[in-house]
Amino acid sequence: MERPDQVTEQKQQSLMLVDGMALLFRAYFATASSGYIRRTKDGLPTNAIYGFIRYFWDAVQTFDPSHVVCCWDMGGQTFRGQEFAAYKGNRADAPDELVPQFALIQEVMDSLGIPNIGAAGYEADDCIGTLSRYYSQEMDVMILSGDHDLLQLVNDRTRVIIMKKGHGNYMVYTPQSLYEEKGLRPEQIIDVKGLMGDASDNYPGVRGIGEKTAMKLVQQYGSVEGILAHLDELTASVRSKIENDLDMLHLSRKLAEIKCDVPVACSLDSCLLTLDHGQVASKFEELEMKSLCSWMGLAIV
C-alpha cells in the first residue's frame, strides 16, 4: 500500500515534451535577424544554443515539470515523404551557421540529463504524440512548441504550450481553451488541415478551400466523413472542389495526423529533471556561455 506522501508525490509529477527543432529554429532566427551571430573564440556559432536554453529554462521555471524529454527530427526520408513526394519540398536548407548547432544542442541537453528522442522515418511530432499518449495515462503531460499542428494531441491530461513572440509569452491549450478559441475538438484539427492543406509542409488539401471554409465545414458536420455524407447540402462550388480533390483530401488528412504508435520509449527514471550543476557548468564553459549558469541559478562549487 502507498503511503499518503507517496500518493501526493505521484500526483505532482508531470512530463514536459519539448519540440526541439521548433525551439532551435526559433532561437536561431530570433537572434540572426539582427545580423549578429554569437560565436565562440574559435568561430563556432552558438546563438541558437544560447537562445534555446533561454527559451527552454524559462518554460521549465514557468510550468515546473518533474520530468523532461526533448524530441527531434532525425533527418532523411519520413513516411510522409514516401506518401507524398512534395511533402516539405518547399523548405530551404538550414542556414550554414545553424547546421553545427544541431548536434551541439543535443550534447547540451545530455549535460542537463535530458533524453534526446527521435525515430528514423518519423518526425519529432510523432515521437511527441507517442510519448504523450503513453504517459498521459499516468501523469499530466505538457508539450512545448510553436507548432499548432500539435493541438490535435490536447486532452484532459495533455496541455499544449504554444510559444508566442518574445520570452515568457505562452498560450496554453486545453480541450476547453481550444474549443473556446477555435470552436474545434482536438481531433478536428486533422480534418481542418486535410481540407485546407498546409503551405508550410507543402501539401495542398482541397484546392480553393481555405482555413475559414474548412473550419466552418468541420464545425458544422463534425468531420471529413460527416462532410462527405452531406455533400448534397453544400454549395455547388464547395461540393465541386471537394469531389475534384477527394484523393488529395484523404492524403492531406493522413499527412496532417500525428502518429502515436512510433517505436520510441523513454523510462521515467531517465527523464527525471535533476541537474548535475558541475556537469552543466562544464558544458556551458566549453561553449563560452557560462553566464547561463548564474541565469539558471546553478550552484557551482
C-alpha atoms as a PDB file:
ATOM      1  CA  MET A   1       0.000   0.000   0.000  1.00  0.00           C
ATOM      2  CA  GLU A   2       1.243   3.503  -0.861  1.00  0.00           C
ATOM      3  CA  ARG A   3       1.779   5.980   1.931  1.00  0.00           C
ATOM      4  CA  PRO A   4      -0.188   9.266   1.638  1.00  0.00           C
ATOM      5  CA  ASP A   5       3.039  11.187   0.938  1.00  0.00           C
ATOM      6  CA  GLN A   6       3.829   8.823  -1.965  1.00  0.00           C
ATOM      7  CA  VAL A   7       0.396   9.412  -3.476  1.00  0.00           C
ATOM      8  CA  THR A   8       0.856  13.175  -3.175  1.00  0.00           C
ATOM      9  CA  GLU A   9       4.262  12.986  -4.819  1.00  0.00           C
ATOM     10  CA  GLN A  10       2.864  10.958  -7.698  1.00  0.00           C
ATOM     11  CA  LYS A  11       0.034  13.419  -8.293  1.00  0.00           C
ATOM     12  CA  GLN A  12       2.549  16.248  -8.605  1.00  0.00           C
ATOM     13  CA  GLN A  13       4.574  14.523 -11.310  1.00  0.00           C
ATOM     14  CA  SER A  14       4.349  15.996 -14.779  1.00  0.00           C
ATOM     15  CA  LEU A  15       6.203  15.446 -18.026  1.00  0.00           C
ATOM     16  CA  MET A  16       7.261  18.214 -20.416  1.00  0.00           C
ATOM     17  CA  LEU A  17       7.848  17.091 -24.008  1.00  0.00           C
ATOM     18  CA  VAL A  18       9.978  19.647 -25.834  1.00  0.00           C
ATOM     19  CA  ASP A  19       9.751  20.109 -29.604  1.00  0.00           C
ATOM     20  CA  GLY A  20      13.494  20.546 -30.037  1.00  0.00           C
ATOM     21  CA  MET A  21      13.554  21.703 -33.654  1.00  0.00           C
ATOM     22  CA  ALA A  22      10.819  24.268 -33.065  1.00  0.00           C
ATOM     23  CA  LEU A  23      12.768  25.834 -30.207  1.00  0.00           C
ATOM     24  CA  LEU A  24      16.110  25.690 -32.004  1.00  0.00           C
ATOM     25  CA  PHE A  25      14.884  27.364 -35.192  1.00  0.00           C
ATOM     26  CA  ARG A  26      13.000  29.977 -33.158  1.00  0.00           C
ATOM     27  CA  ALA A  27      16.110  30.719 -31.123  1.00  0.00           C
ATOM     28  CA  TYR A  28      18.315  30.939 -34.222  1.00  0.00           C
ATOM     29  CA  PHE A  29      16.143  33.329 -36.192  1.00  0.00           C
ATOM     30  CA  ALA A  30      15.297  35.490 -33.157  1.00  0.00           C
ATOM     31  CA  THR A  31      18.965  36.464 -32.940  1.00  0.00           C
ATOM     32  CA  ALA A  32      20.186  36.024 -36.532  1.00  0.00           C
ATOM     33  CA  SER A  33      17.588  38.509 -37.755  1.00  0.00           C
ATOM     34  CA  SER A  34      19.578  41.260 -36.009  1.00  0.00           C
ATOM     35  CA  GLY A  35      22.628  40.346 -38.053  1.00  0.00           C
ATOM     36  CA  TYR A  36      24.629  39.210 -35.011  1.00  0.00           C
ATOM     37  CA  ILE A  37      25.608  35.566 -34.599  1.00  0.00           C
ATOM     38  CA  ARG A  38      27.022  34.610 -31.208  1.00  0.00           C
ATOM     39  CA  ARG A  39      30.231  32.585 -31.653  1.00  0.00           C
ATOM     40  CA  THR A  40      32.984  31.053 -29.568  1.00  0.00           C
ATOM     41  CA  LYS A  41      36.504  32.470 -29.863  1.00  0.00           C
ATOM     42  CA  ASP A  42      37.181  29.693 -32.402  1.00  0.00           C
ATOM     43  CA  GLY A  43      34.313  30.899 -34.558  1.00  0.00           C
ATOM     44  CA  LEU A  44      31.799  28.182 -33.692  1.00  0.00           C
ATOM     45  CA  PRO A  45      28.253  29.628 -33.921  1.00  0.00           C
ATOM     46  CA  THR A  46      26.268  29.162 -30.698  1.00  0.00           C
ATOM     47  CA  ASN A  47      23.440  31.708 -30.969  1.00  0.00           C
ATOM     48  CA  ALA A  48      20.722  29.057 -31.412  1.00  0.00           C
ATOM     49  CA  ILE A  49      22.020  27.028 -28.449  1.00  0.00           C
ATOM     50  CA  TYR A  50      22.146  30.076 -26.194  1.00  0.00           C
ATOM     51  CA  GLY A  51      18.644  31.164 -27.226  1.00  0.00           C
ATOM     52  CA  PHE A  52      17.300  27.620 -26.935  1.00  0.00           C
ATOM     53  CA  ILE A  53      18.418  27.354 -23.317  1.00  0.00           C
ATOM     54  CA  ARG A  54      16.876  30.731 -22.524  1.00  0.00           C
ATOM     55  CA  TYR A  55      13.535  29.671 -24.012  1.00  0.00           C
ATOM     56  CA  PHE A  56      13.686  26.200 -22.511  1.00  0.00           C
ATOM     57  CA  TRP A  57      14.640  27.173 -18.977  1.00  0.00           C
ATOM     58  CA  ASP A  58      12.022  29.921 -18.849  1.00  0.00           C
ATOM     59  CA  ALA A  59       9.385  27.303 -19.695  1.00  0.00           C
ATOM     60  CA  VAL A  60      10.746  24.926 -17.042  1.00  0.00           C
ATOM     61  CA  GLN A  61      10.598  27.682 -14.438  1.00  0.00           C
ATOM     62  CA  THR A  62       7.102  28.686 -15.528  1.00  0.00           C
ATOM     63  CA  PHE A  63       5.480  25.234 -15.744  1.00  0.00           C
ATOM     64  CA  ASP A  64       7.659  23.294 -13.268  1.00  0.00           C
ATOM     65  CA  PRO A  65       7.730  19.783 -14.803  1.00  0.00           C
ATOM     66  CA  SER A  66       9.231  16.955 -12.777  1.00  0.00           C
ATOM     67  CA  HIS A  67      10.329  15.127 -15.941  1.00  0.00           C
ATOM     68  CA  VAL A  68      11.544  16.398 -19.342  1.00  0.00           C
ATOM     69  CA  VAL A  69      12.187  14.783 -22.734  1.00  0.00           C
ATOM     70  CA  CYS A  70      13.391  16.570 -25.870  1.00  0.00           C
ATOM     71  CA  CYS A  71      12.196  15.201 -29.216  1.00  0.00           C
ATOM     72  CA  TRP A  72      13.968  15.741 -32.539  1.00  0.00           C
ATOM     73  CA  ASP A  73      13.571  15.189 -36.263  1.00  0.00           C
ATOM     74  CA  MET A  74      16.168  12.674 -37.386  1.00  0.00           C
ATOM     75  CA  GLY A  75      16.560  13.936 -40.945  1.00  0.00           C
ATOM     76  CA  GLY A  76      16.270  11.793 -44.028  1.00  0.00           C
ATOM     77  CA  GLN A  77      13.128  10.360 -45.593  1.00  0.00           C
ATOM     78  CA  THR A  78       9.980  10.043 -43.491  1.00  0.00           C
ATOM     79  CA  PHE A  79       6.841   8.028 -44.128  1.00  0.00           C
ATOM     80  CA  ARG A  80       5.095  11.283 -45.106  1.00  0.00           C
ATOM     81  CA  GLY A  81       7.691  11.925 -47.792  1.00  0.00           C
ATOM     82  CA  GLN A  82       7.099   8.416 -49.083  1.00  0.00           C
ATOM     83  CA  GLU A  83       3.350   9.046 -49.188  1.00  0.00           C
ATOM     84  CA  PHE A  84       3.697  12.435 -50.907  1.00  0.00           C
ATOM     85  CA  ALA A  85       6.989  13.240 -52.630  1.00  0.00           C
ATOM     86  CA  ALA A  86       6.458  17.008 -52.426  1.00  0.00           C
ATOM     87  CA  TYR A  87       5.980  16.943 -48.638  1.00  0.00           C
ATOM     88  CA  LYS A  88       8.068  19.782 -47.173  1.00  0.00           C
ATOM     89  CA  GLY A  89       9.644  20.113 -50.601  1.00  0.00           C
ATOM     90  CA  ASN A  90       9.453  23.896 -50.378  1.00  0.00           C
ATOM     91  CA  ARG A  91      11.720  24.094 -47.321  1.00  0.00           C
ATOM     92  CA  ALA A  92      15.006  25.921 -47.751  1.00  0.00           C
ATOM     93  CA  ASP A  93      18.181  24.317 -46.443  1.00  0.00           C
ATOM     94  CA  ALA A  94      19.085  25.230 -42.879  1.00  0.00           C
ATOM     95  CA  PRO A  95      21.414  28.250 -42.629  1.00  0.00           C
ATOM     96  CA  ASP A  96      25.105  27.311 -42.559  1.00  0.00           C
ATOM     97  CA  GLU A  97      25.552  28.815 -39.085  1.00  0.00           C
ATOM     98  CA  LEU A  98      22.732  26.656 -37.703  1.00  0.00           C
ATOM     99  CA  VAL A  99      23.899  23.283 -39.030  1.00  0.00           C
ATOM    100  CA  PRO A 100      26.699  22.626 -36.477  1.00  0.00           C
ATOM    101  CA  GLN A 101      24.347  23.596 -33.663  1.00  0.00           C
ATOM    102  CA  PHE A 102      22.020  20.631 -34.313  1.00  0.00           C
ATOM    103  CA  ALA A 103      24.445  18.161 -32.745  1.00  0.00           C
ATOM    104  CA  LEU A 104      25.736  20.611 -30.135  1.00  0.00           C
ATOM    105  CA  ILE A 105      22.323  21.336 -28.641  1.00  0.00           C
ATOM    106  CA  GLN A 106      21.772  17.627 -28.119  1.00  0.00           C
ATOM    107  CA  GLU A 107      25.098  17.482 -26.276  1.00  0.00           C
ATOM    108  CA  VAL A 108      23.889  20.354 -24.108  1.00  0.00           C
ATOM    109  CA  MET A 109      20.629  18.546 -23.339  1.00  0.00           C
ATOM    110  CA  ASP A 110      22.684  15.453 -22.464  1.00  0.00           C
ATOM    111  CA  SER A 111      24.635  17.570 -19.978  1.00  0.00           C
ATOM    112  CA  LEU A 112      21.337  18.624 -18.421  1.00  0.00           C
ATOM    113  CA  GLY A 113      20.414  14.951 -18.056  1.00  0.00           C
ATOM    114  CA  ILE A 114      17.547  15.305 -20.531  1.00  0.00           C
ATOM    115  CA  PRO A 115      16.976  12.440 -23.014  1.00  0.00           C
ATOM    116  CA  ASN A 116      17.085  13.255 -26.729  1.00  0.00           C
ATOM    117  CA  ILE A 117      14.486  11.148 -28.535  1.00  0.00           C
ATOM    118  CA  GLY A 118      13.916  10.610 -32.238  1.00  0.00           C
ATOM    119  CA  ALA A 119      12.890   7.838 -34.622  1.00  0.00           C
ATOM    120  CA  ALA A 120      14.124   7.248 -38.166  1.00  0.00           C
ATOM    121  CA  GLY A 121      11.319   7.640 -40.695  1.00  0.00           C
ATOM    122  CA  TYR A 122       9.213   9.786 -38.374  1.00  0.00           C
ATOM    123  CA  GLU A 123       9.108  13.379 -37.242  1.00  0.00           C
ATOM    124  CA  ALA A 124       9.537  14.825 -33.764  1.00  0.00           C
ATOM    125  CA  ASP A 125       5.762  15.399 -33.681  1.00  0.00           C
ATOM    126  CA  ASP A 126       5.192  11.655 -33.935  1.00  0.00           C
ATOM    127  CA  CYS A 127       7.586  10.961 -31.068  1.00  0.00           C
ATOM    128  CA  ILE A 128       5.835  13.623 -29.015  1.00  0.00           C
ATOM    129  CA  GLY A 129       2.447  12.128 -29.860  1.00  0.00           C
ATOM    130  CA  THR A 130       3.565   8.621 -28.908  1.00  0.00           C
ATOM    131  CA  LEU A 131       5.117   9.634 -25.589  1.00  0.00           C
ATOM    132  CA  SER A 132       2.240  11.940 -24.692  1.00  0.00           C
ATOM    133  CA  ARG A 133      -0.334   9.215 -25.334  1.00  0.00           C
ATOM    134  CA  TYR A 134       1.641   6.744 -23.229  1.00  0.00           C
ATOM    135  CA  TYR A 135       2.471   8.960 -20.265  1.00  0.00           C
ATOM    136  CA  SER A 136      -0.825  10.860 -20.107  1.00  0.00           C
ATOM    137  CA  GLN A 137      -2.321   7.627 -18.802  1.00  0.00           C
ATOM    138  CA  GLU A 138      -0.440   8.154 -15.552  1.00  0.00           C
ATOM    139  CA  MET A 139       0.567  11.808 -15.266  1.00  0.00           C
ATOM    140  CA  ASP A 140      -0.059  15.282 -16.622  1.00  0.00           C
ATOM    141  CA  VAL A 141       1.805  15.985 -19.858  1.00  0.00           C
ATOM    142  CA  MET A 142       2.853  19.334 -21.290  1.00  0.00           C
ATOM    143  CA  ILE A 143       4.031  19.805 -24.877  1.00  0.00           C
ATOM    144  CA  LEU A 144       6.253  22.836 -25.525  1.00  0.00           C
ATOM    145  CA  SER A 145       6.336  24.046 -29.118  1.00  0.00           C
ATOM    146  CA  GLY A 146       5.380  26.788 -31.523  1.00  0.00           C
ATOM    147  CA  ASP A 147       3.654  24.350 -33.874  1.00  0.00           C
ATOM    148  CA  HIS A 148      -0.156  24.499 -33.883  1.00  0.00           C
ATOM    149  CA  ASP A 149      -0.343  21.055 -35.537  1.00  0.00           C
ATOM    150  CA  LEU A 150       0.316  19.630 -32.067  1.00  0.00           C
ATOM    151  CA  LEU A 151      -3.045  20.940 -30.847  1.00  0.00           C
ATOM    152  CA  GLN A 152      -4.547  17.658 -32.066  1.00  0.00           C
ATOM    153  CA  LEU A 153      -2.818  15.991 -29.101  1.00  0.00           C
ATOM    154  CA  VAL A 154      -4.652  18.007 -26.438  1.00  0.00           C
ATOM    155  CA  ASN A 155      -6.731  16.001 -23.986  1.00  0.00           C
ATOM    156  CA  ASP A 156      -7.783  16.146 -20.347  1.00  0.00           C
ATOM    157  CA  ARG A 157      -4.255  15.268 -19.213  1.00  0.00           C
ATOM    158  CA  THR A 158      -2.241  16.804 -22.054  1.00  0.00           C
ATOM    159  CA  ARG A 159      -1.763  20.529 -22.496  1.00  0.00           C
ATOM    160  CA  VAL A 160      -0.041  22.096 -25.484  1.00  0.00           C
ATOM    161  CA  ILE A 161       2.023  25.168 -24.636  1.00  0.00           C
ATOM    162  CA  ILE A 162       2.449  27.359 -27.697  1.00  0.00           C
ATOM    163  CA  MET A 163       5.345  29.792 -27.503  1.00  0.00           C
ATOM    164  CA  LYS A 164       4.342  33.218 -28.713  1.00  0.00           C
ATOM    165  CA  LYS A 165       6.565  36.126 -29.691  1.00  0.00           C
ATOM    166  CA  GLY A 166       9.036  37.149 -27.011  1.00  0.00           C
ATOM    167  CA  HIS A 167      10.294  35.380 -23.906  1.00  0.00           C
ATOM    168  CA  GLY A 168       7.854  34.080 -21.327  1.00  0.00           C
ATOM    169  CA  ASN A 169       4.811  34.570 -23.551  1.00  0.00           C
ATOM    170  CA  TYR A 170       2.717  31.408 -23.836  1.00  0.00           C
ATOM    171  CA  MET A 171      -0.729  30.255 -24.887  1.00  0.00           C
ATOM    172  CA  VAL A 172      -1.715  27.106 -23.022  1.00  0.00           C
ATOM    173  CA  TYR A 173      -4.274  24.908 -24.766  1.00  0.00           C
ATOM    174  CA  THR A 174      -6.625  22.523 -23.008  1.00  0.00           C
ATOM    175  CA  PRO A 175      -9.690  20.943 -24.648  1.00  0.00           C
ATOM    176  CA  GLN A 176     -11.754  23.812 -23.219  1.00  0.00           C
ATOM    177  CA  SER A 177      -9.492  26.676 -24.306  1.00  0.00           C
ATOM    178  CA  LEU A 178      -9.041  25.114 -27.752  1.00  0.00           C
ATOM    179  CA  TYR A 179     -12.801  24.936 -28.214  1.00  0.00           C
ATOM    180  CA  GLU A 180     -13.288  28.471 -26.907  1.00  0.00           C
ATOM    181  CA  GLU A 181     -10.742  29.881 -29.347  1.00  0.00           C
ATOM    182  CA  LYS A 182     -11.324  27.787 -32.458  1.00  0.00           C
ATOM    183  CA  GLY A 183     -14.647  26.020 -31.937  1.00  0.00           C
ATOM    184  CA  LEU A 184     -12.892  22.702 -32.553  1.00  0.00           C
ATOM    185  CA  ARG A 185     -12.196  19.498 -30.690  1.00  0.00           C
ATOM    186  CA  PRO A 186      -8.559  18.330 -30.835  1.00  0.00           C
ATOM    187  CA  GLU A 187      -9.182  15.559 -33.369  1.00  0.00           C
ATOM    188  CA  GLN A 188     -10.932  18.029 -35.674  1.00  0.00           C
ATOM    189  CA  ILE A 189      -7.620  19.860 -36.206  1.00  0.00           C
ATOM    190  CA  ILE A 190      -6.692  16.956 -38.502  1.00  0.00           C
ATOM    191  CA  ASP A 191      -9.883  17.322 -40.563  1.00  0.00           C
ATOM    192  CA  VAL A 192      -9.357  21.078 -40.968  1.00  0.00           C
ATOM    193  CA  LYS A 193      -5.779  20.513 -42.154  1.00  0.00           C
ATOM    194  CA  GLY A 194      -6.968  17.824 -44.548  1.00  0.00           C
ATOM    195  CA  LEU A 195      -9.336  20.320 -46.160  1.00  0.00           C
ATOM    196  CA  MET A 196      -7.159  23.444 -46.197  1.00  0.00           C
ATOM    197  CA  GLY A 197      -3.746  21.800 -46.554  1.00  0.00           C
ATOM    198  CA  ASP A 198      -0.572  23.268 -45.107  1.00  0.00           C
ATOM    199  CA  ALA A 199       1.594  25.672 -47.087  1.00  0.00           C
ATOM    200  CA  SER A 200       4.466  25.260 -44.628  1.00  0.00           C
ATOM    201  CA  ASP A 201       4.542  21.472 -45.074  1.00  0.00           C
ATOM    202  CA  ASN A 202       3.694  21.825 -48.776  1.00  0.00           C
ATOM    203  CA  TYR A 203       0.589  19.683 -49.094  1.00  0.00           C
ATOM    204  CA  PRO A 204      -2.428  21.265 -50.759  1.00  0.00           C
ATOM    205  CA  GLY A 205      -5.580  19.852 -49.196  1.00  0.00           C
ATOM    206  CA  VAL A 206      -8.609  20.694 -51.334  1.00  0.00           C
ATOM    207  CA  ARG A 207      -7.696  23.389 -53.834  1.00  0.00           C
ATOM    208  CA  GLY A 208      -9.777  26.504 -53.314  1.00  0.00           C
ATOM    209  CA  ILE A 209     -10.758  25.748 -49.720  1.00  0.00           C
ATOM    210  CA  GLY A 210      -9.049  27.939 -47.155  1.00  0.00           C
ATOM    211  CA  GLU A 211      -8.965  27.926 -43.374  1.00  0.00           C
ATOM    212  CA  LYS A 212     -12.231  29.823 -42.890  1.00  0.00           C
ATOM    213  CA  THR A 213     -14.283  27.453 -45.063  1.00  0.00           C
ATOM    214  CA  ALA A 214     -12.516  24.370 -43.703  1.00  0.00           C
ATOM    215  CA  MET A 215     -13.270  25.334 -40.115  1.00  0.00           C
ATOM    216  CA  LYS A 216     -16.893  26.168 -40.920  1.00  0.00           C
ATOM    217  CA  LEU A 217     -17.428  22.810 -42.615  1.00  0.00           C
ATOM    218  CA  VAL A 218     -15.823  20.814 -39.797  1.00  0.00           C
ATOM    219  CA  GLN A 219     -17.717  22.747 -37.140  1.00  0.00           C
ATOM    220  CA  GLN A 220     -20.995  22.115 -38.960  1.00  0.00           C
ATOM    221  CA  TYR A 221     -20.536  18.463 -39.952  1.00  0.00           C
ATOM    222  CA  GLY A 222     -18.085  17.247 -37.311  1.00  0.00           C
ATOM    223  CA  SER A 223     -15.524  15.530 -39.530  1.00  0.00           C
ATOM    224  CA  VAL A 224     -14.477  14.844 -43.111  1.00  0.00           C
ATOM    225  CA  GLU A 225     -16.741  11.779 -43.067  1.00  0.00           C
ATOM    226  CA  GLY A 226     -19.627  13.978 -41.920  1.00  0.00           C
ATOM    227  CA  ILE A 227     -18.969  16.432 -44.723  1.00  0.00           C
ATOM    228  CA  LEU A 228     -18.808  13.687 -47.357  1.00  0.00           C
ATOM    229  CA  ALA A 229     -22.075  12.239 -46.063  1.00  0.00           C
ATOM    230  CA  HIS A 230     -23.779  15.611 -46.641  1.00  0.00           C
ATOM    231  CA  LEU A 231     -22.240  16.736 -49.917  1.00  0.00           C
ATOM    232  CA  ASP A 232     -25.714  17.431 -51.297  1.00  0.00           C
ATOM    233  CA  GLU A 233     -26.169  20.156 -48.654  1.00  0.00           C
ATOM    234  CA  LEU A 234     -23.066  22.092 -49.727  1.00  0.00           C
ATOM    235  CA  THR A 235     -22.940  24.885 -52.267  1.00  0.00           C
ATOM    236  CA  ALA A 236     -22.233  23.731 -55.795  1.00  0.00           C
ATOM    237  CA  SER A 237     -18.826  25.408 -55.714  1.00  0.00           C
ATOM    238  CA  VAL A 238     -17.631  23.792 -52.473  1.00  0.00           C
ATOM    239  CA  ARG A 239     -19.062  20.412 -53.412  1.00  0.00           C
ATOM    240  CA  SER A 240     -17.295  20.512 -56.775  1.00  0.00           C
ATOM    241  CA  LYS A 241     -13.961  21.404 -55.170  1.00  0.00           C
ATOM    242  CA  ILE A 242     -14.175  18.512 -52.711  1.00  0.00           C
ATOM    243  CA  GLU A 243     -15.284  15.993 -55.333  1.00  0.00           C
ATOM    244  CA  ASN A 244     -12.474  17.042 -57.667  1.00  0.00           C
ATOM    245  CA  ASP A 245      -9.834  16.705 -54.943  1.00  0.00           C
ATOM    246  CA  LEU A 246     -11.173  13.774 -52.963  1.00  0.00           C
ATOM    247  CA  ASP A 247      -7.963  11.733 -53.141  1.00  0.00           C
ATOM    248  CA  MET A 248      -5.854  14.693 -52.048  1.00  0.00           C
ATOM    249  CA  LEU A 249      -8.289  15.407 -49.211  1.00  0.00           C
ATOM    250  CA  HIS A 250      -7.754  11.932 -47.794  1.00  0.00           C
ATOM    251  CA  LEU A 251      -3.991  12.068 -48.374  1.00  0.00           C
ATOM    252  CA  SER A 252      -3.671  15.511 -46.786  1.00  0.00           C
ATOM    253  CA  ARG A 253      -5.557  14.370 -43.734  1.00  0.00           C
ATOM    254  CA  LYS A 254      -3.224  11.384 -43.470  1.00  0.00           C
ATOM    255  CA  LEU A 255      -0.210  13.696 -43.680  1.00  0.00           C
ATOM    256  CA  ALA A 256      -1.690  16.002 -41.030  1.00  0.00           C
ATOM    257  CA  GLU A 257      -2.323  13.270 -38.484  1.00  0.00           C
ATOM    258  CA  ILE A 258       0.375  12.813 -35.873  1.00  0.00           C
ATOM    259  CA  LYS A 259       1.191   9.146 -35.340  1.00  0.00           C
ATOM    260  CA  CYS A 260       1.016   7.983 -31.737  1.00  0.00           C
ATOM    261  CA  ASP A 261       2.449   4.489 -32.150  1.00  0.00           C
ATOM    262  CA  VAL A 262       6.062   5.223 -33.099  1.00  0.00           C
ATOM    263  CA  PRO A 263       8.742   2.781 -31.845  1.00  0.00           C
ATOM    264  CA  VAL A 264      10.158   5.077 -29.160  1.00  0.00           C
ATOM    265  CA  ALA A 265      10.307   4.715 -25.403  1.00  0.00           C
ATOM    266  CA  CYS A 266      11.787   6.603 -22.504  1.00  0.00           C
ATOM    267  CA  SER A 267      11.772   5.426 -18.905  1.00  0.00           C
ATOM    268  CA  LEU A 268      10.519   7.871 -16.305  1.00  0.00           C
ATOM    269  CA  ASP A 269      13.709   7.470 -14.292  1.00  0.00           C
ATOM    270  CA  SER A 270      15.814   8.603 -17.244  1.00  0.00           C
ATOM    271  CA  CYS A 271      13.870  11.818 -17.768  1.00  0.00           C
ATOM    272  CA  LEU A 272      13.590  12.973 -14.156  1.00  0.00           C
ATOM    273  CA  LEU A 273      14.808  16.586 -14.120  1.00  0.00           C
ATOM    274  CA  THR A 274      17.784  16.574 -11.747  1.00  0.00           C
ATOM    275  CA  LEU A 275      20.686  18.776 -12.796  1.00  0.00           C
ATOM    276  CA  ASP A 276      24.319  17.924 -12.154  1.00  0.00           C
ATOM    277  CA  HIS A 277      25.429  21.533 -11.713  1.00  0.00           C
ATOM    278  CA  GLY A 278      29.109  20.822 -12.310  1.00  0.00           C
ATOM    279  CA  GLN A 279      28.400  18.874 -15.494  1.00  0.00           C
ATOM    280  CA  VAL A 280      26.163  21.621 -16.861  1.00  0.00           C
ATOM    281  CA  ALA A 281      28.685  24.340 -15.966  1.00  0.00           C
ATOM    282  CA  SER A 282      31.454  22.403 -17.698  1.00  0.00           C
ATOM    283  CA  LYS A 283      29.450  22.199 -20.921  1.00  0.00           C
ATOM    284  CA  PHE A 284      28.479  25.861 -20.816  1.00  0.00           C
ATOM    285  CA  GLU A 285      32.104  26.828 -20.170  1.00  0.00           C
ATOM    286  CA  GLU A 286      33.196  24.740 -23.156  1.00  0.00           C
ATOM    287  CA  LEU A 287      30.727  26.701 -25.317  1.00  0.00           C
ATOM    288  CA  GLU A 288      31.735  30.028 -23.722  1.00  0.00           C
ATOM    289  CA  MET A 289      28.312  30.752 -22.308  1.00  0.00           C
ATOM    290  CA  LYS A 290      28.975  30.299 -18.607  1.00  0.00           C
ATOM    291  CA  SER A 291      26.811  33.343 -17.900  1.00  0.00           C
ATOM    292  CA  LEU A 292      23.862  30.975 -18.308  1.00  0.00           C
ATOM    293  CA  CYS A 293      24.896  29.237 -15.064  1.00  0.00           C
ATOM    294  CA  SER A 294      24.028  32.237 -12.912  1.00  0.00           C
ATOM    295  CA  TRP A 295      20.971  32.963 -15.010  1.00  0.00           C
ATOM    296  CA  MET A 296      19.729  29.403 -14.346  1.00  0.00           C
ATOM    297  CA  GLY A 297      20.610  29.682 -10.667  1.00  0.00           C
ATOM    298  CA  LEU A 298      23.145  26.857 -10.751  1.00  0.00           C
ATOM    299  CA  ALA A 299      25.242  26.476  -7.624  1.00  0.00           C
ATOM    300  CA  ILE A 300      28.776  25.842  -8.823  1.00  0.00           C
ATOM    301  CA  VAL A 301      31.229  24.670  -6.205  1.00  0.00           C
END
